[in-house]
Amino acid sequence: MLAVSQLLVPLLNGLLSRRQTKHEAAADQVPLLVQSLTAVAQDVRDIKADLRVVGEHGTKLQLMDLRLKALEGWESGARPQLHQVANQVQLLMGERTSRQLQHAANVVAKE
């Protein structure tokens, strides 16, 4: 029994020593892991902020699209009226020009 215990004690001490070395090495890695997780958390916050900005821009684009569609609707409604006014102006200008020519002809005829 003494021989077995003399054999097992150094073996167990070696196993415990290796186990403690592994634990110490793992403990040394904890600050690096915390630093990495902190960097990842900051990146996630940055991405969330960027996504918020993208969402705001999307909302603004939708609003601008609605305004553009409203303006296009107004334009399509105003176009026939503008065409009608332009025709009336041309008609009136033609009548004015015609009167001016008639007046000039009358002046020349009187002379």
PDB file of N, CA and C in Angstrom:
ATOM      1  N   MET A   1       0.813  -1.176   0.000  1.00  0.00           N
ATOM      2  CA  MET A   1       0.000   0.000   0.000  1.00  0.00           C
ATOM      3  C   MET A   1       0.865   1.251   0.000  1.00  0.00           C
ATOM      4  N   LEU A   2       1.910   1.187   0.735  1.00  0.00           N
ATOM      5  CA  LEU A   2       2.823   2.316   0.783  1.00  0.00           C
ATOM      6  C   LEU A   2       3.440   2.566  -0.574  1.00  0.00           C
ATOM      7  N   ALA A   3       3.729   1.508  -1.284  1.00  0.00           N
ATOM      8  CA  ALA A   3       4.321   1.661  -2.615  1.00  0.00           C
ATOM      9  C   ALA A   3       3.328   2.302  -3.560  1.00  0.00           C
ATOM     10  N   VAL A   4       2.063   1.905  -3.436  1.00  0.00           N
ATOM     11  CA  VAL A   4       1.027   2.474  -4.314  1.00  0.00           C
ATOM     12  C   VAL A   4       0.843   3.937  -3.991  1.00  0.00           C
ATOM     13  N   SER A   5       0.805   4.287  -2.721  1.00  0.00           N
ATOM     14  CA  SER A   5       0.611   5.685  -2.351  1.00  0.00           C
ATOM     15  C   SER A   5       1.826   6.510  -2.747  1.00  0.00           C
ATOM     16  N   GLN A   6       3.015   5.915  -2.691  1.00  0.00           N
ATOM     17  CA  GLN A   6       4.205   6.647  -3.127  1.00  0.00           C
ATOM     18  C   GLN A   6       4.160   6.887  -4.635  1.00  0.00           C
ATOM     19  N   LEU A   7       3.502   6.008  -5.349  1.00  0.00           N
ATOM     20  CA  LEU A   7       3.390   6.155  -6.796  1.00  0.00           C
ATOM     21  C   LEU A   7       2.258   7.121  -7.158  1.00  0.00           C
ATOM     22  N   LEU A   8       1.144   7.029  -6.420  1.00  0.00           N
ATOM     23  CA  LEU A   8      -0.025   7.849  -6.742  1.00  0.00           C
ATOM     24  C   LEU A   8       0.131   9.306  -6.310  1.00  0.00           C
ATOM     25  N   VAL A   9       0.785   9.561  -5.222  1.00  0.00           N
ATOM     26  CA  VAL A   9       0.920  10.934  -4.722  1.00  0.00           C
ATOM     27  C   VAL A   9       1.642  11.818  -5.730  1.00  0.00           C
ATOM     28  N   PRO A  10       2.792  11.422  -6.273  1.00  0.00           N
ATOM     29  CA  PRO A  10       3.429  12.296  -7.265  1.00  0.00           C
ATOM     30  C   PRO A  10       2.584  12.440  -8.532  1.00  0.00           C
ATOM     31  N   LEU A  11       1.893  11.359  -8.900  1.00  0.00           N
ATOM     32  CA  LEU A  11       1.044  11.411 -10.095  1.00  0.00           C
ATOM     33  C   LEU A  11      -0.104  12.399  -9.882  1.00  0.00           C
ATOM     34  N   LEU A  12      -0.752  12.324  -8.729  1.00  0.00           N
ATOM     35  CA  LEU A  12      -1.847  13.251  -8.420  1.00  0.00           C
ATOM     36  C   LEU A  12      -1.334  14.683  -8.294  1.00  0.00           C
ATOM     37  N   ASN A  13      -0.179  14.856  -7.677  1.00  0.00           N
ATOM     38  CA  ASN A  13       0.401  16.199  -7.568  1.00  0.00           C
ATOM     39  C   ASN A  13       0.694  16.778  -8.953  1.00  0.00           C
ATOM     40  N   GLY A  14       1.192  15.951  -9.857  1.00  0.00           N
ATOM     41  CA  GLY A  14       1.463  16.401 -11.230  1.00  0.00           C
ATOM     42  C   GLY A  14       0.182  16.803 -11.947  1.00  0.00           C
ATOM     43  N   LEU A  15      -0.871  15.976 -11.762  1.00  0.00           N
ATOM     44  CA  LEU A  15      -2.166  16.298 -12.386  1.00  0.00           C
ATOM     45  C   LEU A  15      -2.732  17.605 -11.827  1.00  0.00           C
ATOM     46  N   LEU A  16      -2.653  17.756 -10.525  1.00  0.00           N
ATOM     47  CA  LEU A  16      -3.155  18.984  -9.901  1.00  0.00           C
ATOM     48  C   LEU A  16      -2.341  20.199 -10.344  1.00  0.00           C
ATOM     49  N   SER A  17      -1.058  20.019 -10.476  1.00  0.00           N
ATOM     50  CA  SER A  17      -0.193  21.114 -10.914  1.00  0.00           C
ATOM     51  C   SER A  17      -0.540  21.537 -12.338  1.00  0.00           C
ATOM     52  N   ARG A  18      -0.720  20.531 -13.225  1.00  0.00           N
ATOM     53  CA  ARG A  18      -1.098  20.850 -14.616  1.00  0.00           C
ATOM     54  C   ARG A  18      -2.465  21.527 -14.670  1.00  0.00           C
ATOM     55  N   ARG A  19      -3.372  21.032 -13.830  1.00  0.00           N
ATOM     56  CA  ARG A  19      -4.713  21.617 -13.812  1.00  0.00           C
ATOM     57  C   ARG A  19      -4.656  23.070 -13.350  1.00  0.00           C
ATOM     58  N   GLN A  20      -3.859  23.354 -12.330  1.00  0.00           N
ATOM     59  CA  GLN A  20      -3.729  24.720 -11.834  1.00  0.00           C
ATOM     60  C   GLN A  20      -3.076  25.608 -12.888  1.00  0.00           C
ATOM     61  N   THR A  21      -2.105  25.088 -13.618  1.00  0.00           N
ATOM     62  CA  THR A  21      -1.455  25.858 -14.680  1.00  0.00           C
ATOM     63  C   THR A  21      -2.469  26.229 -15.761  1.00  0.00           C
ATOM     64  N   LYS A  22      -3.324  25.274 -16.116  1.00  0.00           N
ATOM     65  CA  LYS A  22      -4.363  25.544 -17.123  1.00  0.00           C
ATOM     66  C   LYS A  22      -5.330  26.615 -16.621  1.00  0.00           C
ATOM     67  N   HIS A  23      -5.707  26.534 -15.353  1.00  0.00           N
ATOM     68  CA  HIS A  23      -6.624  27.514 -14.782  1.00  0.00           C
ATOM     69  C   HIS A  23      -5.984  28.896 -14.753  1.00  0.00           C
ATOM     70  N   GLU A  24      -4.708  28.956 -14.417  1.00  0.00           N
ATOM     71  CA  GLU A  24      -4.007  30.243 -14.389  1.00  0.00           C
ATOM     72  C   GLU A  24      -3.913  30.834 -15.792  1.00  0.00           C
ATOM     73  N   ALA A  25      -3.641  29.961 -16.772  1.00  0.00           N
ATOM     74  CA  ALA A  25      -3.573  30.439 -18.159  1.00  0.00           C
ATOM     75  C   ALA A  25      -4.942  30.954 -18.608  1.00  0.00           C
ATOM     76  N   ALA A  26      -5.993  30.251 -18.215  1.00  0.00           N
ATOM     77  CA  ALA A  26      -7.346  30.690 -18.570  1.00  0.00           C
ATOM     78  C   ALA A  26      -7.671  32.007 -17.873  1.00  0.00           C
ATOM     79  N   ALA A  27      -7.252  32.144 -16.623  1.00  0.00           N
ATOM     80  CA  ALA A  27      -7.501  33.384 -15.881  1.00  0.00           C
ATOM     81  C   ALA A  27      -6.759  34.552 -16.524  1.00  0.00           C
ATOM     82  N   ASP A  28      -5.583  34.282 -17.080  1.00  0.00           N
ATOM     83  CA  ASP A  28      -4.834  35.337 -17.768  1.00  0.00           C
ATOM     84  C   ASP A  28      -5.556  35.807 -19.031  1.00  0.00           C
ATOM     85  N   GLN A  29      -6.362  34.939 -19.609  1.00  0.00           N
ATOM     86  CA  GLN A  29      -7.090  35.276 -20.842  1.00  0.00           C
ATOM     87  C   GLN A  29      -8.349  36.107 -20.567  1.00  0.00           C
ATOM     88  N   VAL A  30      -8.833  36.116 -19.340  1.00  0.00           N
ATOM     89  CA  VAL A  30     -10.087  36.809 -19.017  1.00  0.00           C
ATOM     90  C   VAL A  30     -10.035  38.300 -19.367  1.00  0.00           C
ATOM     91  N   PRO A  31      -8.994  39.042 -19.008  1.00  0.00           N
ATOM     92  CA  PRO A  31      -8.984  40.468 -19.377  1.00  0.00           C
ATOM     93  C   PRO A  31      -9.040  40.682 -20.896  1.00  0.00           C
ATOM     94  N   LEU A  32      -8.364  39.813 -21.646  1.00  0.00           N
ATOM     95  CA  LEU A  32      -8.412  39.939 -23.105  1.00  0.00           C
ATOM     96  C   LEU A  32      -9.818  39.669 -23.630  1.00  0.00           C
ATOM     97  N   LEU A  33     -10.477  38.667 -23.044  1.00  0.00           N
ATOM     98  CA  LEU A  33     -11.857  38.369 -23.448  1.00  0.00           C
ATOM     99  C   LEU A  33     -12.793  39.522 -23.103  1.00  0.00           C
ATOM    100  N   VAL A  34     -12.612  40.100 -21.931  1.00  0.00           N
ATOM    101  CA  VAL A  34     -13.441  41.243 -21.525  1.00  0.00           C
ATOM    102  C   VAL A  34     -13.214  42.412 -22.477  1.00  0.00           C
ATOM    103  N   GLN A  35     -11.961  42.650 -22.828  1.00  0.00           N
ATOM    104  CA  GLN A  35     -11.637  43.735 -23.762  1.00  0.00           C
ATOM    105  C   GLN A  35     -12.281  43.471 -25.127  1.00  0.00           C
ATOM    106  N   SER A  36     -12.210  42.239 -25.597  1.00  0.00           N
ATOM    107  CA  SER A  36     -12.824  41.890 -26.883  1.00  0.00           C
ATOM    108  C   SER A  36     -14.336  42.061 -26.837  1.00  0.00           C
ATOM    109  N   LEU A  37     -14.952  41.609 -25.747  1.00  0.00           N
ATOM    110  CA  LEU A  37     -16.403  41.756 -25.611  1.00  0.00           C
ATOM    111  C   LEU A  37     -16.807  43.222 -25.531  1.00  0.00           C
ATOM    112  N   THR A  38     -15.992  44.032 -24.875  1.00  0.00           N
ATOM    113  CA  THR A  38     -16.271  45.466 -24.805  1.00  0.00           C
ATOM    114  C   THR A  38     -16.220  46.086 -26.194  1.00  0.00           C
ATOM    115  N   ALA A  39     -15.224  45.702 -26.983  1.00  0.00           N
ATOM    116  CA  ALA A  39     -15.111  46.217 -28.353  1.00  0.00           C
ATOM    117  C   ALA A  39     -16.298  45.769 -29.202  1.00  0.00           C
ATOM    118  N   VAL A  40     -16.700  44.522 -29.040  1.00  0.00           N
ATOM    119  CA  VAL A  40     -17.856  44.012 -29.794  1.00  0.00           C
ATOM    120  C   VAL A  40     -19.121  44.764 -29.381  1.00  0.00           C
ATOM    121  N   ALA A  41     -19.285  45.002 -28.087  1.00  0.00           N
ATOM    122  CA  ALA A  41     -20.466  45.732 -27.604  1.00  0.00           C
ATOM    123  C   ALA A  41     -20.495  47.147 -28.176  1.00  0.00           C
ATOM    124  N   GLN A  42     -19.334  47.795 -28.247  1.00  0.00           N
ATOM    125  CA  GLN A  42     -19.268  49.141 -28.831  1.00  0.00           C
ATOM    126  C   GLN A  42     -19.623  49.096 -30.314  1.00  0.00           C
ATOM    127  N   ASP A  43     -19.121  48.085 -31.011  1.00  0.00           N
ATOM    128  CA  ASP A  43     -19.461  47.930 -32.432  1.00  0.00           C
ATOM    129  C   ASP A  43     -20.962  47.729 -32.617  1.00  0.00           C
ATOM    130  N   VAL A  44     -21.567  46.952 -31.737  1.00  0.00           N
ATOM    131  CA  VAL A  44     -23.017  46.723 -31.818  1.00  0.00           C
ATOM    132  C   VAL A  44     -23.765  48.034 -31.592  1.00  0.00           C
ATOM    133  N   ARG A  45     -23.320  48.829 -30.617  1.00  0.00           N
ATOM    134  CA  ARG A  45     -23.957  50.132 -30.378  1.00  0.00           C
ATOM    135  C   ARG A  45     -23.809  51.036 -31.597  1.00  0.00           C
ATOM    136  N   ASP A  46     -22.626  51.036 -32.211  1.00  0.00           N
ATOM    137  CA  ASP A  46     -22.406  51.850 -33.414  1.00  0.00           C
ATOM    138  C   ASP A  46     -23.314  51.404 -34.554  1.00  0.00           C
ATOM    139  N   ILE A  47     -23.444  50.102 -34.713  1.00  0.00           N
ATOM    140  CA  ILE A  47     -24.308  49.570 -35.785  1.00  0.00           C
ATOM    141  C   ILE A  47     -25.762  49.959 -35.525  1.00  0.00           C
ATOM    142  N   LYS A  48     -26.196  49.874 -34.280  1.00  0.00           N
ATOM    143  CA  LYS A  48     -27.569  50.264 -33.947  1.00  0.00           C
ATOM    144  C   LYS A  48     -27.794  51.745 -34.248  1.00  0.00           C
ATOM    145  N   ALA A  49     -26.814  52.577 -33.919  1.00  0.00           N
ATOM    146  CA  ALA A  49     -26.940  54.012 -34.203  1.00  0.00           C
ATOM    147  C   ALA A  49     -27.013  54.247 -35.711  1.00  0.00           C
ATOM    148  N   ASP A  50     -26.178  53.540 -36.466  1.00  0.00           N
ATOM    149  CA  ASP A  50     -26.213  53.668 -37.930  1.00  0.00           C
ATOM    150  C   ASP A  50     -27.554  53.216 -38.485  1.00  0.00           C
ATOM    151  N   LEU A  51     -28.093  52.136 -37.943  1.00  0.00           N
ATOM    152  CA  LEU A  51     -29.401  51.646 -38.395  1.00  0.00           C
ATOM    153  C   LEU A  51     -30.506  52.649 -38.075  1.00  0.00           C
ATOM    154  N   ARG A  52     -30.387  53.314 -36.922  1.00  0.00           N
ATOM    155  CA  ARG A  52     -31.359  54.342 -36.568  1.00  0.00           C
ATOM    156  C   ARG A  52     -31.314  55.485 -37.577  1.00  0.00           C
ATOM    157  N   VAL A  53     -30.096  55.897 -37.953  1.00  0.00           N
ATOM    158  CA  VAL A  53     -29.936  56.974 -38.940  1.00  0.00           C
ATOM    159  C   VAL A  53     -30.505  56.538 -40.284  1.00  0.00           C
ATOM    160  N   VAL A  54     -30.231  55.306 -40.671  1.00  0.00           N
ATOM    161  CA  VAL A  54     -30.765  54.788 -41.938  1.00  0.00           C
ATOM    162  C   VAL A  54     -32.294  54.780 -41.899  1.00  0.00           C
ATOM    163  N   GLY A  55     -32.859  54.390 -40.773  1.00  0.00           N
ATOM    164  CA  GLY A  55     -34.318  54.401 -40.628  1.00  0.00           C
ATOM    165  C   GLY A  55     -34.887  55.808 -40.752  1.00  0.00           C
ATOM    166  N   GLU A  56     -34.202  56.783 -40.134  1.00  0.00           N
ATOM    167  CA  GLU A  56     -34.650  58.175 -40.238  1.00  0.00           C
ATOM    168  C   GLU A  56     -34.579  58.649 -41.684  1.00  0.00           C
ATOM    169  N   HIS A  57     -33.505  58.292 -42.366  1.00  0.00           N
ATOM    170  CA  HIS A  57     -33.377  58.682 -43.774  1.00  0.00           C
ATOM    171  C   HIS A  57     -34.464  58.027 -44.618  1.00  0.00           C
ATOM    172  N   GLY A  58     -34.777  56.773 -44.309  1.00  0.00           N
ATOM    173  CA  GLY A  58     -35.847  56.084 -45.035  1.00  0.00           C
ATOM    174  C   GLY A  58     -37.183  56.791 -44.847  1.00  0.00           C
ATOM    175  N   THR A  59     -37.449  57.233 -43.621  1.00  0.00           N
ATOM    176  CA  THR A  59     -38.688  57.965 -43.342  1.00  0.00           C
ATOM    177  C   THR A  59     -38.724  59.280 -44.115  1.00  0.00           C
ATOM    178  N   LYS A  60     -37.592  59.984 -44.135  1.00  0.00           N
ATOM    179  CA  LYS A  60     -37.528  61.248 -44.886  1.00  0.00           C
ATOM    180  C   LYS A  60     -37.725  61.005 -46.377  1.00  0.00           C
ATOM    181  N   LEU A  61     -37.143  59.937 -46.884  1.00  0.00           N
ATOM    182  CA  LEU A  61     -37.314  59.623 -48.308  1.00  0.00           C
ATOM    183  C   LEU A  61     -38.769  59.307 -48.631  1.00  0.00           C
ATOM    184  N   GLN A  62     -39.441  58.589 -47.749  1.00  0.00           N
ATOM    185  CA  GLN A  62     -40.862  58.296 -47.970  1.00  0.00           C
ATOM    186  C   GLN A  62     -41.681  59.580 -47.986  1.00  0.00           C
ATOM    187  N   LEU A  63     -41.369  60.503 -47.071  1.00  0.00           N
ATOM    188  CA  LEU A  63     -42.072  61.781 -47.030  1.00  0.00           C
ATOM    189  C   LEU A  63     -41.829  62.572 -48.311  1.00  0.00           C
ATOM    190  N   MET A  64     -40.572  62.607 -48.756  1.00  0.00           N
ATOM    191  CA  MET A  64     -40.250  63.321 -49.999  1.00  0.00           C
ATOM    192  C   MET A  64     -40.947  62.672 -51.191  1.00  0.00           C
ATOM    193  N   ASP A  65     -41.050  61.355 -51.189  1.00  0.00           N
ATOM    194  CA  ASP A  65     -41.737  60.653 -52.270  1.00  0.00           C
ATOM    195  C   ASP A  65     -43.215  61.031 -52.291  1.00  0.00           C
ATOM    196  N   LEU A  66     -43.838  61.104 -51.108  1.00  0.00           N
ATOM    197  CA  LEU A  66     -45.242  61.518 -51.037  1.00  0.00           C
ATOM    198  C   LEU A  66     -45.419  62.949 -51.535  1.00  0.00           C
ATOM    199  N   ARG A  67     -44.503  63.830 -51.150  1.00  0.00           N
ATOM    200  CA  ARG A  67     -44.582  65.226 -51.611  1.00  0.00           C
ATOM    201  C   ARG A  67     -44.405  65.311 -53.118  1.00  0.00           C
ATOM    202  N   LEU A  68     -43.484  64.535 -53.645  1.00  0.00           N
ATOM    203  CA  LEU A  68     -43.253  64.532 -55.090  1.00  0.00           C
ATOM    204  C   LEU A  68     -44.484  64.034 -55.830  1.00  0.00           C
ATOM    205  N   LYS A  69     -45.104  62.983 -55.319  1.00  0.00           N
ATOM    206  CA  LYS A  69     -46.323  62.470 -55.960  1.00  0.00           C
ATOM    207  C   LYS A  69     -47.440  63.505 -55.904  1.00  0.00           C
ATOM    208  N   ALA A  70     -47.555  64.219 -54.786  1.00  0.00           N
ATOM    209  CA  ALA A  70     -48.574  65.270 -54.674  1.00  0.00           C
ATOM    210  C   ALA A  70     -48.293  66.390 -55.670  1.00  0.00           C
ATOM    211  N   LEU A  71     -47.026  66.768 -55.803  1.00  0.00           N
ATOM    212  CA  LEU A  71     -46.649  67.811 -56.759  1.00  0.00           C
ATOM    213  C   LEU A  71     -46.922  67.364 -58.189  1.00  0.00           C
ATOM    214  N   GLU A  72     -46.624  66.111 -58.489  1.00  0.00           N
ATOM    215  CA  GLU A  72     -46.903  65.591 -59.835  1.00  0.00           C
ATOM    216  C   GLU A  72     -48.406  65.579 -60.106  1.00  0.00           C
ATOM    217  N   GLY A  73     -49.206  65.251 -59.095  1.00  0.00           N
ATOM    218  CA  GLY A  73     -50.660  65.279 -59.243  1.00  0.00           C
ATOM    219  C   GLY A  73     -51.162  66.689 -59.501  1.00  0.00           C
ATOM    220  N   TRP A  74     -50.622  67.643 -58.744  1.00  0.00           N
ATOM    221  CA  TRP A  74     -51.004  69.040 -58.953  1.00  0.00           C
ATOM    222  C   TRP A  74     -50.609  69.494 -60.350  1.00  0.00           C
ATOM    223  N   GLU A  75     -49.411  69.119 -60.772  1.00  0.00           N
ATOM    224  CA  GLU A  75     -48.921  69.516 -62.093  1.00  0.00           C
ATOM    225  C   GLU A  75     -49.809  68.945 -63.199  1.00  0.00           C
ATOM    226  N   SER A  76     -50.190  67.689 -63.072  1.00  0.00           N
ATOM    227  CA  SER A  76     -51.034  67.087 -64.109  1.00  0.00           C
ATOM    228  C   SER A  76     -52.415  67.743 -64.124  1.00  0.00           C
ATOM    229  N   GLY A  77     -52.889  68.225 -62.982  1.00  0.00           N
ATOM    230  CA  GLY A  77     -54.161  68.947 -62.947  1.00  0.00           C
ATOM    231  C   GLY A  77     -54.039  70.361 -63.485  1.00  0.00           C
ATOM    232  N   ALA A  78     -52.894  70.991 -63.263  1.00  0.00           N
ATOM    233  CA  ALA A  78     -52.697  72.380 -63.692  1.00  0.00           C
ATOM    234  C   ALA A  78     -52.339  72.484 -65.171  1.00  0.00           C
ATOM    235  N   ARG A  79     -51.790  71.453 -65.734  1.00  0.00           N
ATOM    236  CA  ARG A  79     -51.332  71.499 -67.124  1.00  0.00           C
ATOM    237  C   ARG A  79     -52.453  71.852 -68.109  1.00  0.00           C
ATOM    238  N   PRO A  80     -53.637  71.212 -68.028  1.00  0.00           N
ATOM    239  CA  PRO A  80     -54.705  71.592 -68.967  1.00  0.00           C
ATOM    240  C   PRO A  80     -55.144  73.050 -68.783  1.00  0.00           C
ATOM    241  N   GLN A  81     -55.191  73.498 -67.526  1.00  0.00           N
ATOM    242  CA  GLN A  81     -55.569  74.891 -67.276  1.00  0.00           C
ATOM    243  C   GLN A  81     -54.531  75.843 -67.859  1.00  0.00           C
ATOM    244  N   LEU A  82     -53.267  75.516 -67.697  1.00  0.00           N
ATOM    245  CA  LEU A  82     -52.202  76.347 -68.254  1.00  0.00           C
ATOM    246  C   LEU A  82     -52.293  76.379 -69.777  1.00  0.00           C
ATOM    247  N   HIS A  83     -52.583  75.253 -70.375  1.00  0.00           N
ATOM    248  CA  HIS A  83     -52.724  75.182 -71.830  1.00  0.00           C
ATOM    249  C   HIS A  83     -53.892  76.066 -72.286  1.00  0.00           C
ATOM    250  N   GLN A  84     -54.992  76.008 -71.538  1.00  0.00           N
ATOM    251  CA  GLN A  84     -56.160  76.825 -71.878  1.00  0.00           C
ATOM    252  C   GLN A  84     -55.828  78.314 -71.757  1.00  0.00           C
ATOM    253  N   VAL A  85     -55.145  78.713 -70.685  1.00  0.00           N
ATOM    254  CA  VAL A  85     -54.758  80.115 -70.504  1.00  0.00           C
ATOM    255  C   VAL A  85     -53.822  80.550 -71.619  1.00  0.00           C
ATOM    256  N   ALA A  86     -52.876  79.694 -71.989  1.00  0.00           N
ATOM    257  CA  ALA A  86     -51.945  80.038 -73.068  1.00  0.00           C
ATOM    258  C   ALA A  86     -52.700  80.247 -74.376  1.00  0.00           C
ATOM    259  N   ASN A  87     -53.682  79.413 -74.653  1.00  0.00           N
ATOM    260  CA  ASN A  87     -54.483  79.583 -75.872  1.00  0.00           C
ATOM    261  C   ASN A  87     -55.255  80.897 -75.839  1.00  0.00           C
ATOM    262  N   GLN A  88     -55.827  81.221 -74.681  1.00  0.00           N
ATOM    263  CA  GLN A  88     -56.579  82.473 -74.565  1.00  0.00           C
ATOM    264  C   GLN A  88     -55.662  83.678 -74.739  1.00  0.00           C
ATOM    265  N   VAL A  89     -54.452  83.616 -74.171  1.00  0.00           N
ATOM    266  CA  VAL A  89     -53.489  84.713 -74.326  1.00  0.00           C
ATOM    267  C   VAL A  89     -53.110  84.869 -75.786  1.00  0.00           C
ATOM    268  N   GLN A  90     -52.882  83.765 -76.474  1.00  0.00           N
ATOM    269  CA  GLN A  90     -52.545  83.849 -77.901  1.00  0.00           C
ATOM    270  C   GLN A  90     -53.690  84.470 -78.687  1.00  0.00           C
ATOM    271  N   LEU A  91     -54.893  84.097 -78.356  1.00  0.00           N
ATOM    272  CA  LEU A  91     -56.063  84.649 -79.031  1.00  0.00           C
ATOM    273  C   LEU A  91     -56.160  86.150 -78.787  1.00  0.00           C
ATOM    274  N   LEU A  92     -55.993  86.551 -77.502  1.00  0.00           N
ATOM    275  CA  LEU A  92     -56.054  87.979 -77.178  1.00  0.00           C
ATOM    276  C   LEU A  92     -54.922  88.750 -77.842  1.00  0.00           C
ATOM    277  N   MET A  93     -53.727  88.186 -77.849  1.00  0.00           N
ATOM    278  CA  MET A  93     -52.584  88.853 -78.498  1.00  0.00           C
ATOM    279  C   MET A  93     -52.839  88.977 -79.995  1.00  0.00           C
ATOM    280  N   GLY A  94     -53.454  87.955 -80.566  1.00  0.00           N
ATOM    281  CA  GLY A  94     -53.784  88.015 -81.991  1.00  0.00           C
ATOM    282  C   GLY A  94     -54.790  89.112 -82.269  1.00  0.00           C
ATOM    283  N   GLU A  95     -55.804  89.249 -81.390  1.00  0.00           N
ATOM    284  CA  GLU A  95     -56.788  90.312 -81.560  1.00  0.00           C
ATOM    285  C   GLU A  95     -56.134  91.674 -81.408  1.00  0.00           C
ATOM    286  N   ARG A  96     -55.227  91.806 -80.450  1.00  0.00           N
ATOM    287  CA  ARG A  96     -54.532  93.085 -80.233  1.00  0.00           C
ATOM    288  C   ARG A  96     -53.688  93.429 -81.451  1.00  0.00           C
ATOM    289  N   THR A  97     -52.954  92.461 -81.936  1.00  0.00           N
ATOM    290  CA  THR A  97     -52.122  92.691 -83.118  1.00  0.00           C
ATOM    291  C   THR A  97     -53.000  93.056 -84.312  1.00  0.00           C
ATOM    292  N   SER A  98     -54.115  92.372 -84.422  1.00  0.00           N
ATOM    293  CA  SER A  98     -55.037  92.660 -85.522  1.00  0.00           C
ATOM    294  C   SER A  98     -55.548  94.090 -85.420  1.00  0.00           C
ATOM    295  N   ARG A  99     -55.919  94.543 -84.208  1.00  0.00           N
ATOM    296  CA  ARG A  99     -56.394  95.918 -84.023  1.00  0.00           C
ATOM    297  C   ARG A  99     -55.303  96.926 -84.339  1.00  0.00           C
ATOM    298  N   GLN A 100     -54.055  96.605 -83.900  1.00  0.00           N
ATOM    299  CA  GLN A 100     -52.948  97.517 -84.194  1.00  0.00           C
ATOM    300  C   GLN A 100     -52.738  97.647 -85.702  1.00  0.00           C
ATOM    301  N   LEU A 101     -52.815  96.520 -86.393  1.00  0.00           N
ATOM    302  CA  LEU A 101     -52.647  96.560 -87.852  1.00  0.00           C
ATOM    303  C   LEU A 101     -53.792  97.335 -88.504  1.00  0.00           C
ATOM    304  N   GLN A 102     -54.998  97.136 -88.011  1.00  0.00           N
ATOM    305  CA  GLN A 102     -56.156  97.861 -88.554  1.00  0.00           C
ATOM    306  C   GLN A 102     -55.998  99.355 -88.316  1.00  0.00           C
ATOM    307  N   HIS A 103     -55.549  99.715 -87.120  1.00  0.00           N
ATOM    308  CA  HIS A 103     -55.335 101.127 -86.797  1.00  0.00           C
ATOM    309  C   HIS A 103     -54.260 101.719 -87.701  1.00  0.00           C
ATOM    310  N   ALA A 104     -53.166 100.988 -87.879  1.00  0.00           N
ATOM    311  CA  ALA A 104     -52.093 101.473 -88.759  1.00  0.00           C
ATOM    312  C   ALA A 104     -52.609 101.637 -90.185  1.00  0.00           C
ATOM    313  N   ALA A 105     -53.432 100.707 -90.624  1.00  0.00           N
ATOM    314  CA  ALA A 105     -53.993 100.804 -91.979  1.00  0.00           C
ATOM    315  C   ALA A 105     -54.914 102.009 -92.086  1.00  0.00           C
ATOM    316  N   ASN A 106     -55.697 102.281 -91.050  1.00  0.00           N
ATOM    317  CA  ASN A 106     -56.587 103.443 -91.056  1.00  0.00           C
ATOM    318  C   ASN A 106     -55.788 104.732 -91.084  1.00  0.00           C
ATOM    319  N   VAL A 107     -54.684 104.792 -90.319  1.00  0.00           N
ATOM    320  CA  VAL A 107     -53.836 105.986 -90.296  1.00  0.00           C
ATOM    321  C   VAL A 107     -53.246 106.216 -91.676  1.00  0.00           C
ATOM    322  N   VAL A 108     -52.752 105.153 -92.293  1.00  0.00           N
ATOM    323  CA  VAL A 108     -52.155 105.282 -93.626  1.00  0.00           C
ATOM    324  C   VAL A 108     -53.225 105.689 -94.644  1.00  0.00           C
ATOM    325  N   ALA A 109     -54.423 105.148 -94.498  1.00  0.00           N
ATOM    326  CA  ALA A 109     -55.501 105.452 -95.449  1.00  0.00           C
ATOM    327  C   ALA A 109     -55.937 106.901 -95.328  1.00  0.00           C
ATOM    328  N   LYS A 110     -55.884 107.481 -94.137  1.00  0.00           N
ATOM    329  CA  LYS A 110     -56.280 108.869 -93.941  1.00  0.00           C
ATOM    330  C   LYS A 110     -55.245 109.809 -94.520  1.00  0.00           C
ATOM    331  N   GLU A 111     -54.029 109.411 -94.618  1.00  0.00           N
ATOM    332  CA  GLU A 111     -52.979 110.302 -95.101  1.00  0.00           C
ATOM    333  C   GLU A 111     -52.996 110.371 -96.543  1.00  0.00           C
TER     334      GLU A 111
END
